[in-house]
Amino acid sequence: MALRFGNVYGPGSAHKNSVVAKFIRQVMKGERLEIYGDGKQTRDFIYIADLIRAVRLAAEKPGIGGEIFQIAGSAETTVQELTDKLLAVLADMGYRNLN
């Protein structure tokens, strides 16, 4: 079987170049966030614990060999929506809104 992951975020993903990790690093460094395009492009995000659960379930399910599964959160989020949510959470943690 093949498992295709959405945009994974959560503990341990700070080293990634994903938009979530990148934006968090930029805010923590006091840098301005750079959104490419108009911010309306969408992504499907999945939290690492949910991804791990899905991988385990797929590994334990008999008879699904040869199939392809997309593992994601099943909800599209625009980059602008993501930015707004991240900035709100980081502001609650004491980081300044830089956008």
PDB file of N, CA and C in Angstrom:
ATOM      1  N   MET A   1       0.838  -1.163   0.000  1.00  0.00           N
ATOM      2  CA  MET A   1       0.000   0.000   0.000  1.00  0.00           C
ATOM      3  C   MET A   1       0.887   1.231   0.000  1.00  0.00           C
ATOM      4  N   ALA A   2       0.346   2.326  -0.468  1.00  0.00           N
ATOM      5  CA  ALA A   2       1.060   3.600  -0.453  1.00  0.00           C
ATOM      6  C   ALA A   2       0.248   4.592   0.372  1.00  0.00           C
ATOM      7  N   LEU A   3       0.934   5.305   1.248  1.00  0.00           N
ATOM      8  CA  LEU A   3       0.289   6.327   2.059  1.00  0.00           C
ATOM      9  C   LEU A   3       0.836   7.679   1.646  1.00  0.00           C
ATOM     10  N   ARG A   4      -0.054   8.584   1.317  1.00  0.00           N
ATOM     11  CA  ARG A   4       0.339   9.935   0.907  1.00  0.00           C
ATOM     12  C   ARG A   4      -0.127  10.896   1.984  1.00  0.00           C
ATOM     13  N   PHE A   5       0.806  11.657   2.533  1.00  0.00           N
ATOM     14  CA  PHE A   5       0.494  12.525   3.669  1.00  0.00           C
ATOM     15  C   PHE A   5       0.160  13.939   3.223  1.00  0.00           C
ATOM     16  N   GLY A   6      -0.790  14.552   3.939  1.00  0.00           N
ATOM     17  CA  GLY A   6      -1.065  15.974   3.770  1.00  0.00           C
ATOM     18  C   GLY A   6       0.067  16.764   4.426  1.00  0.00           C
ATOM     19  N   ASN A   7      -0.161  18.022   4.699  1.00  0.00           N
ATOM     20  CA  ASN A   7       0.829  18.885   5.340  1.00  0.00           C
ATOM     21  C   ASN A   7       0.838  18.597   6.840  1.00  0.00           C
ATOM     22  N   VAL A   8       1.879  17.924   7.305  1.00  0.00           N
ATOM     23  CA  VAL A   8       1.973  17.476   8.688  1.00  0.00           C
ATOM     24  C   VAL A   8       2.544  18.598   9.555  1.00  0.00           C
ATOM     25  N   TYR A   9       1.943  18.779  10.733  1.00  0.00           N
ATOM     26  CA  TYR A   9       2.463  19.747  11.692  1.00  0.00           C
ATOM     27  C   TYR A   9       2.370  19.166  13.098  1.00  0.00           C
ATOM     28  N   GLY A  10       3.122  19.745  14.012  1.00  0.00           N
ATOM     29  CA  GLY A  10       3.084  19.319  15.405  1.00  0.00           C
ATOM     30  C   GLY A  10       4.489  19.168  15.953  1.00  0.00           C
ATOM     31  N   PRO A  11       4.593  18.605  17.166  1.00  0.00           N
ATOM     32  CA  PRO A  11       5.908  18.438  17.800  1.00  0.00           C
ATOM     33  C   PRO A  11       6.873  17.681  16.893  1.00  0.00           C
ATOM     34  N   GLY A  12       8.093  18.161  16.852  1.00  0.00           N
ATOM     35  CA  GLY A  12       9.115  17.521  16.035  1.00  0.00           C
ATOM     36  C   GLY A  12       9.176  18.021  14.609  1.00  0.00           C
ATOM     37  N   SER A  13       8.293  18.949  14.242  1.00  0.00           N
ATOM     38  CA  SER A  13       8.288  19.409  12.858  1.00  0.00           C
ATOM     39  C   SER A  13       8.976  20.758  12.672  1.00  0.00           C
ATOM     40  N   ALA A  14       9.664  21.234  13.690  1.00  0.00           N
ATOM     41  CA  ALA A  14      10.327  22.545  13.600  1.00  0.00           C
ATOM     42  C   ALA A  14      11.399  22.573  12.509  1.00  0.00           C
ATOM     43  N   HIS A  15      12.004  21.433  12.222  1.00  0.00           N
ATOM     44  CA  HIS A  15      13.066  21.367  11.208  1.00  0.00           C
ATOM     45  C   HIS A  15      12.538  21.385   9.772  1.00  0.00           C
ATOM     46  N   LYS A  16      11.221  21.195   9.622  1.00  0.00           N
ATOM     47  CA  LYS A  16      10.632  21.116   8.288  1.00  0.00           C
ATOM     48  C   LYS A  16      10.586  22.484   7.618  1.00  0.00           C
ATOM     49  N   ASN A  17      10.392  22.478   6.321  1.00  0.00           N
ATOM     50  CA  ASN A  17      10.221  23.713   5.569  1.00  0.00           C
ATOM     51  C   ASN A  17       8.755  23.949   5.230  1.00  0.00           C
ATOM     52  N   SER A  18       7.862  23.318   5.966  1.00  0.00           N
ATOM     53  CA  SER A  18       6.432  23.508   5.719  1.00  0.00           C
ATOM     54  C   SER A  18       6.039  24.933   6.080  1.00  0.00           C
ATOM     55  N   VAL A  19       4.902  25.360   5.578  1.00  0.00           N
ATOM     56  CA  VAL A  19       4.446  26.726   5.835  1.00  0.00           C
ATOM     57  C   VAL A  19       4.205  26.940   7.326  1.00  0.00           C
ATOM     58  N   VAL A  20       3.697  25.948   8.044  1.00  0.00           N
ATOM     59  CA  VAL A  20       3.449  26.098   9.481  1.00  0.00           C
ATOM     60  C   VAL A  20       4.769  26.317  10.217  1.00  0.00           C
ATOM     61  N   ALA A  21       5.722  25.422  10.018  1.00  0.00           N
ATOM     62  CA  ALA A  21       7.015  25.535  10.705  1.00  0.00           C
ATOM     63  C   ALA A  21       7.737  26.826  10.313  1.00  0.00           C
ATOM     64  N   LYS A  22       7.689  27.157   9.039  1.00  0.00           N
ATOM     65  CA  LYS A  22       8.361  28.365   8.551  1.00  0.00           C
ATOM     66  C   LYS A  22       7.775  29.613   9.191  1.00  0.00           C
ATOM     67  N   PHE A  23       6.453  29.733   9.217  1.00  0.00           N
ATOM     68  CA  PHE A  23       5.810  30.908   9.799  1.00  0.00           C
ATOM     69  C   PHE A  23       6.088  31.012  11.299  1.00  0.00           C
ATOM     70  N   ILE A  24       6.056  29.905  12.009  1.00  0.00           N
ATOM     71  CA  ILE A  24       6.340  29.939  13.448  1.00  0.00           C
ATOM     72  C   ILE A  24       7.772  30.409  13.684  1.00  0.00           C
ATOM     73  N   ARG A  25       8.712  29.876  12.921  1.00  0.00           N
ATOM     74  CA  ARG A  25      10.114  30.316  13.060  1.00  0.00           C
ATOM     75  C   ARG A  25      10.249  31.806  12.783  1.00  0.00           C
ATOM     76  N   GLN A  26       9.585  32.285  11.736  1.00  0.00           N
ATOM     77  CA  GLN A  26       9.687  33.702  11.379  1.00  0.00           C
ATOM     78  C   GLN A  26       9.132  34.598  12.487  1.00  0.00           C
ATOM     79  N   VAL A  27       7.993  34.244  13.047  1.00  0.00           N
ATOM     80  CA  VAL A  27       7.415  35.051  14.119  1.00  0.00           C
ATOM     81  C   VAL A  27       8.333  35.037  15.338  1.00  0.00           C
ATOM     82  N   MET A  28       8.860  33.889  15.685  1.00  0.00           N
ATOM     83  CA  MET A  28       9.727  33.790  16.863  1.00  0.00           C
ATOM     84  C   MET A  28      11.017  34.588  16.687  1.00  0.00           C
ATOM     85  N   LYS A  29      11.446  34.774  15.445  1.00  0.00           N
ATOM     86  CA  LYS A  29      12.639  35.574  15.167  1.00  0.00           C
ATOM     87  C   LYS A  29      12.314  37.050  14.974  1.00  0.00           C
ATOM     88  N   GLY A  30      11.034  37.393  15.023  1.00  0.00           N
ATOM     89  CA  GLY A  30      10.628  38.775  14.818  1.00  0.00           C
ATOM     90  C   GLY A  30      10.599  39.186  13.362  1.00  0.00           C
ATOM     91  N   GLU A  31      10.533  38.211  12.468  1.00  0.00           N
ATOM     92  CA  GLU A  31      10.514  38.501  11.032  1.00  0.00           C
ATOM     93  C   GLU A  31       9.089  38.637  10.523  1.00  0.00           C
ATOM     94  N   ARG A  32       8.952  39.353   9.453  1.00  0.00           N
ATOM     95  CA  ARG A  32       7.659  39.515   8.790  1.00  0.00           C
ATOM     96  C   ARG A  32       7.343  38.238   8.005  1.00  0.00           C
ATOM     97  N   LEU A  33       6.080  37.810   8.063  1.00  0.00           N
ATOM     98  CA  LEU A  33       5.667  36.623   7.317  1.00  0.00           C
ATOM     99  C   LEU A  33       5.503  36.980   5.850  1.00  0.00           C
ATOM    100  N   GLU A  34       5.982  36.093   5.010  1.00  0.00           N
ATOM    101  CA  GLU A  34       5.865  36.317   3.576  1.00  0.00           C
ATOM    102  C   GLU A  34       4.914  35.281   2.992  1.00  0.00           C
ATOM    103  N   ILE A  35       3.792  35.768   2.489  1.00  0.00           N
ATOM    104  CA  ILE A  35       2.805  34.898   1.850  1.00  0.00           C
ATOM    105  C   ILE A  35       2.974  35.048   0.345  1.00  0.00           C
ATOM    106  N   TYR A  36       3.229  33.940  -0.313  1.00  0.00           N
ATOM    107  CA  TYR A  36       3.347  33.965  -1.767  1.00  0.00           C
ATOM    108  C   TYR A  36       1.957  33.967  -2.382  1.00  0.00           C
ATOM    109  N   GLY A  37       1.743  34.769  -3.389  1.00  0.00           N
ATOM    110  CA  GLY A  37       0.434  34.846  -4.026  1.00  0.00           C
ATOM    111  C   GLY A  37      -0.523  35.671  -3.193  1.00  0.00           C
ATOM    112  N   ASP A  38      -1.812  35.380  -3.342  1.00  0.00           N
ATOM    113  CA  ASP A  38      -2.839  36.176  -2.668  1.00  0.00           C
ATOM    114  C   ASP A  38      -3.308  35.573  -1.348  1.00  0.00           C
ATOM    115  N   GLY A  39      -2.738  34.445  -0.941  1.00  0.00           N
ATOM    116  CA  GLY A  39      -3.118  33.808   0.317  1.00  0.00           C
ATOM    117  C   GLY A  39      -4.348  32.928   0.217  1.00  0.00           C
ATOM    118  N   LYS A  40      -4.926  32.849  -0.973  1.00  0.00           N
ATOM    119  CA  LYS A  40      -6.138  32.041  -1.147  1.00  0.00           C
ATOM    120  C   LYS A  40      -5.834  30.589  -1.504  1.00  0.00           C
ATOM    121  N   GLN A  41      -4.554  30.283  -1.774  1.00  0.00           N
ATOM    122  CA  GLN A  41      -4.201  28.902  -2.077  1.00  0.00           C
ATOM    123  C   GLN A  41      -4.450  28.042  -0.832  1.00  0.00           C
ATOM    124  N   THR A  42      -4.905  26.822  -1.048  1.00  0.00           N
ATOM    125  CA  THR A  42      -5.306  25.985   0.081  1.00  0.00           C
ATOM    126  C   THR A  42      -4.343  24.823   0.304  1.00  0.00           C
ATOM    127  N   ARG A  43      -4.348  24.356   1.536  1.00  0.00           N
ATOM    128  CA  ARG A  43      -3.580  23.184   1.948  1.00  0.00           C
ATOM    129  C   ARG A  43      -4.493  22.345   2.846  1.00  0.00           C
ATOM    130  N   ASP A  44      -4.168  21.074   2.951  1.00  0.00           N
ATOM    131  CA  ASP A  44      -4.885  20.189   3.861  1.00  0.00           C
ATOM    132  C   ASP A  44      -3.879  19.759   4.924  1.00  0.00           C
ATOM    133  N   PHE A  45      -4.094  20.193   6.149  1.00  0.00           N
ATOM    134  CA  PHE A  45      -3.149  19.946   7.235  1.00  0.00           C
ATOM    135  C   PHE A  45      -3.599  18.764   8.075  1.00  0.00           C
ATOM    136  N   ILE A  46      -2.613  18.076   8.660  1.00  0.00           N
ATOM    137  CA  ILE A  46      -2.908  16.977   9.579  1.00  0.00           C
ATOM    138  C   ILE A  46      -1.915  17.026  10.730  1.00  0.00           C
ATOM    139  N   TYR A  47      -2.432  16.894  11.933  1.00  0.00           N
ATOM    140  CA  TYR A  47      -1.606  16.889  13.138  1.00  0.00           C
ATOM    141  C   TYR A  47      -0.860  15.556  13.228  1.00  0.00           C
ATOM    142  N   ILE A  48       0.365  15.600  13.691  1.00  0.00           N
ATOM    143  CA  ILE A  48       1.235  14.413  13.696  1.00  0.00           C
ATOM    144  C   ILE A  48       0.609  13.215  14.416  1.00  0.00           C
ATOM    145  N   ALA A  49      -0.068  13.439  15.543  1.00  0.00           N
ATOM    146  CA  ALA A  49      -0.685  12.322  16.269  1.00  0.00           C
ATOM    147  C   ALA A  49      -1.783  11.664  15.431  1.00  0.00           C
ATOM    148  N   ASP A  50      -2.523  12.464  14.674  1.00  0.00           N
ATOM    149  CA  ASP A  50      -3.559  11.907  13.795  1.00  0.00           C
ATOM    150  C   ASP A  50      -2.934  11.113  12.652  1.00  0.00           C
ATOM    151  N   LEU A  51      -1.826  11.605  12.138  1.00  0.00           N
ATOM    152  CA  LEU A  51      -1.112  10.893  11.079  1.00  0.00           C
ATOM    153  C   LEU A  51      -0.605   9.543  11.580  1.00  0.00           C
ATOM    154  N   ILE A  52      -0.011   9.531  12.753  1.00  0.00           N
ATOM    155  CA  ILE A  52       0.513   8.283  13.330  1.00  0.00           C
ATOM    156  C   ILE A  52      -0.612   7.271  13.526  1.00  0.00           C
ATOM    157  N   ARG A  53      -1.743   7.736  14.025  1.00  0.00           N
ATOM    158  CA  ARG A  53      -2.890   6.841  14.212  1.00  0.00           C
ATOM    159  C   ARG A  53      -3.333   6.245  12.873  1.00  0.00           C
ATOM    160  N   ALA A  54      -3.395   7.062  11.832  1.00  0.00           N
ATOM    161  CA  ALA A  54      -3.810   6.581  10.512  1.00  0.00           C
ATOM    162  C   ALA A  54      -2.818   5.564   9.954  1.00  0.00           C
ATOM    163  N   VAL A  55      -1.529   5.815  10.124  1.00  0.00           N
ATOM    164  CA  VAL A  55      -0.510   4.875   9.640  1.00  0.00           C
ATOM    165  C   VAL A  55      -0.647   3.539  10.370  1.00  0.00           C
ATOM    166  N   ARG A  56      -0.837   3.591  11.680  1.00  0.00           N
ATOM    167  CA  ARG A  56      -1.014   2.347  12.449  1.00  0.00           C
ATOM    168  C   ARG A  56      -2.248   1.577  11.988  1.00  0.00           C
ATOM    169  N   LEU A  57      -3.351   2.288  11.809  1.00  0.00           N
ATOM    170  CA  LEU A  57      -4.581   1.628  11.348  1.00  0.00           C
ATOM    171  C   LEU A  57      -4.385   0.985   9.982  1.00  0.00           C
ATOM    172  N   ALA A  58      -3.712   1.673   9.093  1.00  0.00           N
ATOM    173  CA  ALA A  58      -3.464   1.129   7.753  1.00  0.00           C
ATOM    174  C   ALA A  58      -2.572  -0.103   7.826  1.00  0.00           C
ATOM    175  N   ALA A  59      -1.574  -0.065   8.689  1.00  0.00           N
ATOM    176  CA  ALA A  59      -0.647  -1.197   8.815  1.00  0.00           C
ATOM    177  C   ALA A  59      -1.330  -2.432   9.396  1.00  0.00           C
ATOM    178  N   GLU A  60      -2.333  -2.219  10.218  1.00  0.00           N
ATOM    179  CA  GLU A  60      -3.000  -3.333  10.894  1.00  0.00           C
ATOM    180  C   GLU A  60      -4.210  -3.875  10.129  1.00  0.00           C
ATOM    181  N   LYS A  61      -4.655  -3.172   9.104  1.00  0.00           N
ATOM    182  CA  LYS A  61      -5.857  -3.570   8.365  1.00  0.00           C
ATOM    183  C   LYS A  61      -5.515  -4.637   7.330  1.00  0.00           C
ATOM    184  N   PRO A  62      -6.090  -5.812   7.444  1.00  0.00           N
ATOM    185  CA  PRO A  62      -5.792  -6.863   6.458  1.00  0.00           C
ATOM    186  C   PRO A  62      -6.478  -6.602   5.113  1.00  0.00           C
ATOM    187  N   GLY A  63      -5.829  -7.049   4.062  1.00  0.00           N
ATOM    188  CA  GLY A  63      -6.441  -7.047   2.748  1.00  0.00           C
ATOM    189  C   GLY A  63      -6.456  -5.723   2.006  1.00  0.00           C
ATOM    190  N   ILE A  64      -5.601  -4.787   2.369  1.00  0.00           N
ATOM    191  CA  ILE A  64      -5.619  -3.512   1.639  1.00  0.00           C
ATOM    192  C   ILE A  64      -4.327  -3.279   0.864  1.00  0.00           C
ATOM    193  N   GLY A  65      -3.582  -4.328   0.633  1.00  0.00           N
ATOM    194  CA  GLY A  65      -2.354  -4.198  -0.135  1.00  0.00           C
ATOM    195  C   GLY A  65      -2.612  -3.692  -1.546  1.00  0.00           C
ATOM    196  N   GLY A  66      -1.677  -2.901  -2.064  1.00  0.00           N
ATOM    197  CA  GLY A  66      -1.769  -2.401  -3.417  1.00  0.00           C
ATOM    198  C   GLY A  66      -2.632  -1.152  -3.571  1.00  0.00           C
ATOM    199  N   GLU A  67      -3.192  -0.647  -2.476  1.00  0.00           N
ATOM    200  CA  GLU A  67      -4.041   0.539  -2.557  1.00  0.00           C
ATOM    201  C   GLU A  67      -3.263   1.786  -2.141  1.00  0.00           C
ATOM    202  N   ILE A  68      -3.783   2.938  -2.543  1.00  0.00           N
ATOM    203  CA  ILE A  68      -3.173   4.225  -2.208  1.00  0.00           C
ATOM    204  C   ILE A  68      -4.154   4.990  -1.325  1.00  0.00           C
ATOM    205  N   PHE A  69      -3.633   5.545  -0.219  1.00  0.00           N
ATOM    206  CA  PHE A  69      -4.463   6.304   0.707  1.00  0.00           C
ATOM    207  C   PHE A  69      -3.859   7.683   0.933  1.00  0.00           C
ATOM    208  N   GLN A  70      -4.710   8.695   0.826  1.00  0.00           N
ATOM    209  CA  GLN A  70      -4.318  10.064   1.145  1.00  0.00           C
ATOM    210  C   GLN A  70      -4.661  10.278   2.613  1.00  0.00           C
ATOM    211  N   ILE A  71      -3.653  10.591   3.411  1.00  0.00           N
ATOM    212  CA  ILE A  71      -3.878  10.821   4.836  1.00  0.00           C
ATOM    213  C   ILE A  71      -3.743  12.307   5.101  1.00  0.00           C
ATOM    214  N   ALA A  72      -4.876  12.927   5.379  1.00  0.00           N
ATOM    215  CA  ALA A  72      -4.903  14.366   5.612  1.00  0.00           C
ATOM    216  C   ALA A  72      -6.094  14.680   6.503  1.00  0.00           C
ATOM    217  N   GLY A  73      -6.282  15.950   6.790  1.00  0.00           N
ATOM    218  CA  GLY A  73      -7.337  16.353   7.700  1.00  0.00           C
ATOM    219  C   GLY A  73      -8.707  16.483   7.067  1.00  0.00           C
ATOM    220  N   SER A  74      -8.794  16.369   5.773  1.00  0.00           N
ATOM    221  CA  SER A  74     -10.033  16.464   4.987  1.00  0.00           C
ATOM    222  C   SER A  74     -10.716  17.829   5.088  1.00  0.00           C
ATOM    223  N   ALA A  75      -9.939  18.863   5.372  1.00  0.00           N
ATOM    224  CA  ALA A  75     -10.482  20.221   5.389  1.00  0.00           C
ATOM    225  C   ALA A  75      -9.440  21.157   4.779  1.00  0.00           C
ATOM    226  N   GLU A  76      -9.818  21.814   3.710  1.00  0.00           N
ATOM    227  CA  GLU A  76      -8.881  22.750   3.085  1.00  0.00           C
ATOM    228  C   GLU A  76      -8.853  24.045   3.888  1.00  0.00           C
ATOM    229  N   THR A  77      -7.649  24.558   4.071  1.00  0.00           N
ATOM    230  CA  THR A  77      -7.433  25.813   4.786  1.00  0.00           C
ATOM    231  C   THR A  77      -6.605  26.708   3.878  1.00  0.00           C
ATOM    232  N   THR A  78      -7.028  27.959   3.720  1.00  0.00           N
ATOM    233  CA  THR A  78      -6.214  28.863   2.909  1.00  0.00           C
ATOM    234  C   THR A  78      -4.977  29.264   3.698  1.00  0.00           C
ATOM    235  N   VAL A  79      -3.946  29.658   2.980  1.00  0.00           N
ATOM    236  CA  VAL A  79      -2.724  30.121   3.636  1.00  0.00           C
ATOM    237  C   VAL A  79      -3.030  31.355   4.485  1.00  0.00           C
ATOM    238  N   GLN A  80      -3.942  32.205   4.028  1.00  0.00           N
ATOM    239  CA  GLN A  80      -4.320  33.385   4.826  1.00  0.00           C
ATOM    240  C   GLN A  80      -5.021  32.978   6.116  1.00  0.00           C
ATOM    241  N   GLU A  81      -5.930  31.991   6.053  1.00  0.00           N
ATOM    242  CA  GLU A  81      -6.595  31.498   7.266  1.00  0.00           C
ATOM    243  C   GLU A  81      -5.572  30.915   8.234  1.00  0.00           C
ATOM    244  N   LEU A  82      -4.638  30.145   7.710  1.00  0.00           N
ATOM    245  CA  LEU A  82      -3.573  29.582   8.541  1.00  0.00           C
ATOM    246  C   LEU A  82      -2.779  30.692   9.215  1.00  0.00           C
ATOM    247  N   THR A  83      -2.404  31.708   8.445  1.00  0.00           N
ATOM    248  CA  THR A  83      -1.630  32.823   8.976  1.00  0.00           C
ATOM    249  C   THR A  83      -2.394  33.521  10.099  1.00  0.00           C
ATOM    250  N   ASP A  84      -3.667  33.790   9.881  1.00  0.00           N
ATOM    251  CA  ASP A  84      -4.486  34.455  10.898  1.00  0.00           C
ATOM    252  C   ASP A  84      -4.544  33.637  12.185  1.00  0.00           C
ATOM    253  N   LYS A  85      -4.744  32.323  12.052  1.00  0.00           N
ATOM    254  CA  LYS A  85      -4.822  31.450  13.235  1.00  0.00           C
ATOM    255  C   LYS A  85      -3.491  31.383  13.959  1.00  0.00           C
ATOM    256  N   LEU A  86      -2.399  31.218  13.211  1.00  0.00           N
ATOM    257  CA  LEU A  86      -1.075  31.161  13.829  1.00  0.00           C
ATOM    258  C   LEU A  86      -0.737  32.447  14.556  1.00  0.00           C
ATOM    259  N   LEU A  87      -1.003  33.578  13.924  1.00  0.00           N
ATOM    260  CA  LEU A  87      -0.697  34.860  14.554  1.00  0.00           C
ATOM    261  C   LEU A  87      -1.504  35.059  15.829  1.00  0.00           C
ATOM    262  N   ALA A  88      -2.756  34.622  15.846  1.00  0.00           N
ATOM    263  CA  ALA A  88      -3.580  34.742  17.052  1.00  0.00           C
ATOM    264  C   ALA A  88      -3.011  33.888  18.181  1.00  0.00           C
ATOM    265  N   VAL A  89      -2.640  32.652  17.881  1.00  0.00           N
ATOM    266  CA  VAL A  89      -2.083  31.763  18.907  1.00  0.00           C
ATOM    267  C   VAL A  89      -0.742  32.296  19.406  1.00  0.00           C
ATOM    268  N   LEU A  90       0.103  32.718  18.488  1.00  0.00           N
ATOM    269  CA  LEU A  90       1.421  33.224  18.881  1.00  0.00           C
ATOM    270  C   LEU A  90       1.304  34.546  19.640  1.00  0.00           C
ATOM    271  N   ALA A  91       0.311  35.362  19.312  1.00  0.00           N
ATOM    272  CA  ALA A  91       0.086  36.608  20.066  1.00  0.00           C
ATOM    273  C   ALA A  91      -0.300  36.288  21.505  1.00  0.00           C
ATOM    274  N   ASP A  92      -1.123  35.245  21.687  1.00  0.00           N
ATOM    275  CA  ASP A  92      -1.491  34.812  23.041  1.00  0.00           C
ATOM    276  C   ASP A  92      -0.279  34.337  23.822  1.00  0.00           C
ATOM    277  N   MET A  93       0.742  33.892  23.107  1.00  0.00           N
ATOM    278  CA  MET A  93       1.979  33.424  23.745  1.00  0.00           C
ATOM    279  C   MET A  93       2.972  34.570  23.953  1.00  0.00           C
ATOM    280  N   GLY A  94       2.597  35.783  23.525  1.00  0.00           N
ATOM    281  CA  GLY A  94       3.453  36.930  23.759  1.00  0.00           C
ATOM    282  C   GLY A  94       4.243  37.411  22.570  1.00  0.00           C
ATOM    283  N   TYR A  95       4.055  36.795  21.420  1.00  0.00           N
ATOM    284  CA  TYR A  95       4.770  37.242  20.218  1.00  0.00           C
ATOM    285  C   TYR A  95       3.960  38.326  19.528  1.00  0.00           C
ATOM    286  N   ARG A  96       4.649  39.309  18.995  1.00  0.00           N
ATOM    287  CA  ARG A  96       3.994  40.422  18.325  1.00  0.00           C
ATOM    288  C   ARG A  96       3.423  40.005  16.978  1.00  0.00           C
ATOM    289  N   ASN A  97       2.328  40.639  16.609  1.00  0.00           N
ATOM    290  CA  ASN A  97       1.753  40.443  15.276  1.00  0.00           C
ATOM    291  C   ASN A  97       2.592  41.246  14.294  1.00  0.00           C
ATOM    292  N   LEU A  98       3.201  40.588  13.347  1.00  0.00           N
ATOM    293  CA  LEU A  98       4.120  41.234  12.416  1.00  0.00           C
ATOM    294  C   LEU A  98       3.508  41.470  11.058  1.00  0.00           C
ATOM    295  N   ASN A  99       2.284  41.121  10.835  1.00  0.00           N
ATOM    296  CA  ASN A  99       1.658  41.332   9.515  1.00  0.00           C
ATOM    297  C   ASN A  99       0.727  42.501   9.541  1.00  0.00           C
TER     298      ASN A  99
END
